[in-house]
Amino acid sequence: MSLERIWAGWRTTYIDEVATQAPPEGDHDCLFERLAAATPDAEGLILARNVHAFAVMNAYPYTSGHLMVAPLRHEATLAGLSRDEAAAVMALVQDANTAVLAAYAPDGINVGANIGRAAGAGVPGHVHIHVLPRWTGDTNFLTTIAEARVLPEPLTKSYDKLRAVWPT
């Protein structure tokens, strides 16, 4: 079997004009900074906070229970975080794993960070880590052919389930 190549010449325009633009510096409007400033926490679907980081529901989840952990400080890379900030982020990732296991009893958990636009980061200027439950066979044809996902519960119910079991 040989690898079939499909050429999409239009992509070069996107790469040249859009993907190579640097994220704005200085006075920026960052999603994670707006979320971190949300009060009360339930309004921004903030699950937990510590001195350097916070956990928040993903507004566009792949699965029910999909959340993100981000540092409070605007930083684009993991390497740019201080050791204390990185430890604070990882502590919340650990808590998120505990909560996801308790709330959803999944077959597995994905934990990952897309760092930089080329890696698929939707918010390339602010590093964040995704935590989401996974089940054997949880992907189906809808995502592939209909560009749609079916989630069995509203985002606010996922938030309530995770908050109820979040480690203190």
Foldseek 3Di string as FASTA:
>chain_A
DDDDDDDDVVVVVCCVPPQPDDDDDDDDDAPLLVLVPDPPNLVSQWQDDDPFKTKHQDPDDPEQLKIKIFTNDFAQDPVPDDPVNNVRSVVVVVLSVQLCCVLPVAPDKDKAWQGGVVSPDPRRRTTMIIIDGHHVPLDDCCCVPVVDHDYPDDNSVSSVSSSVRGDD
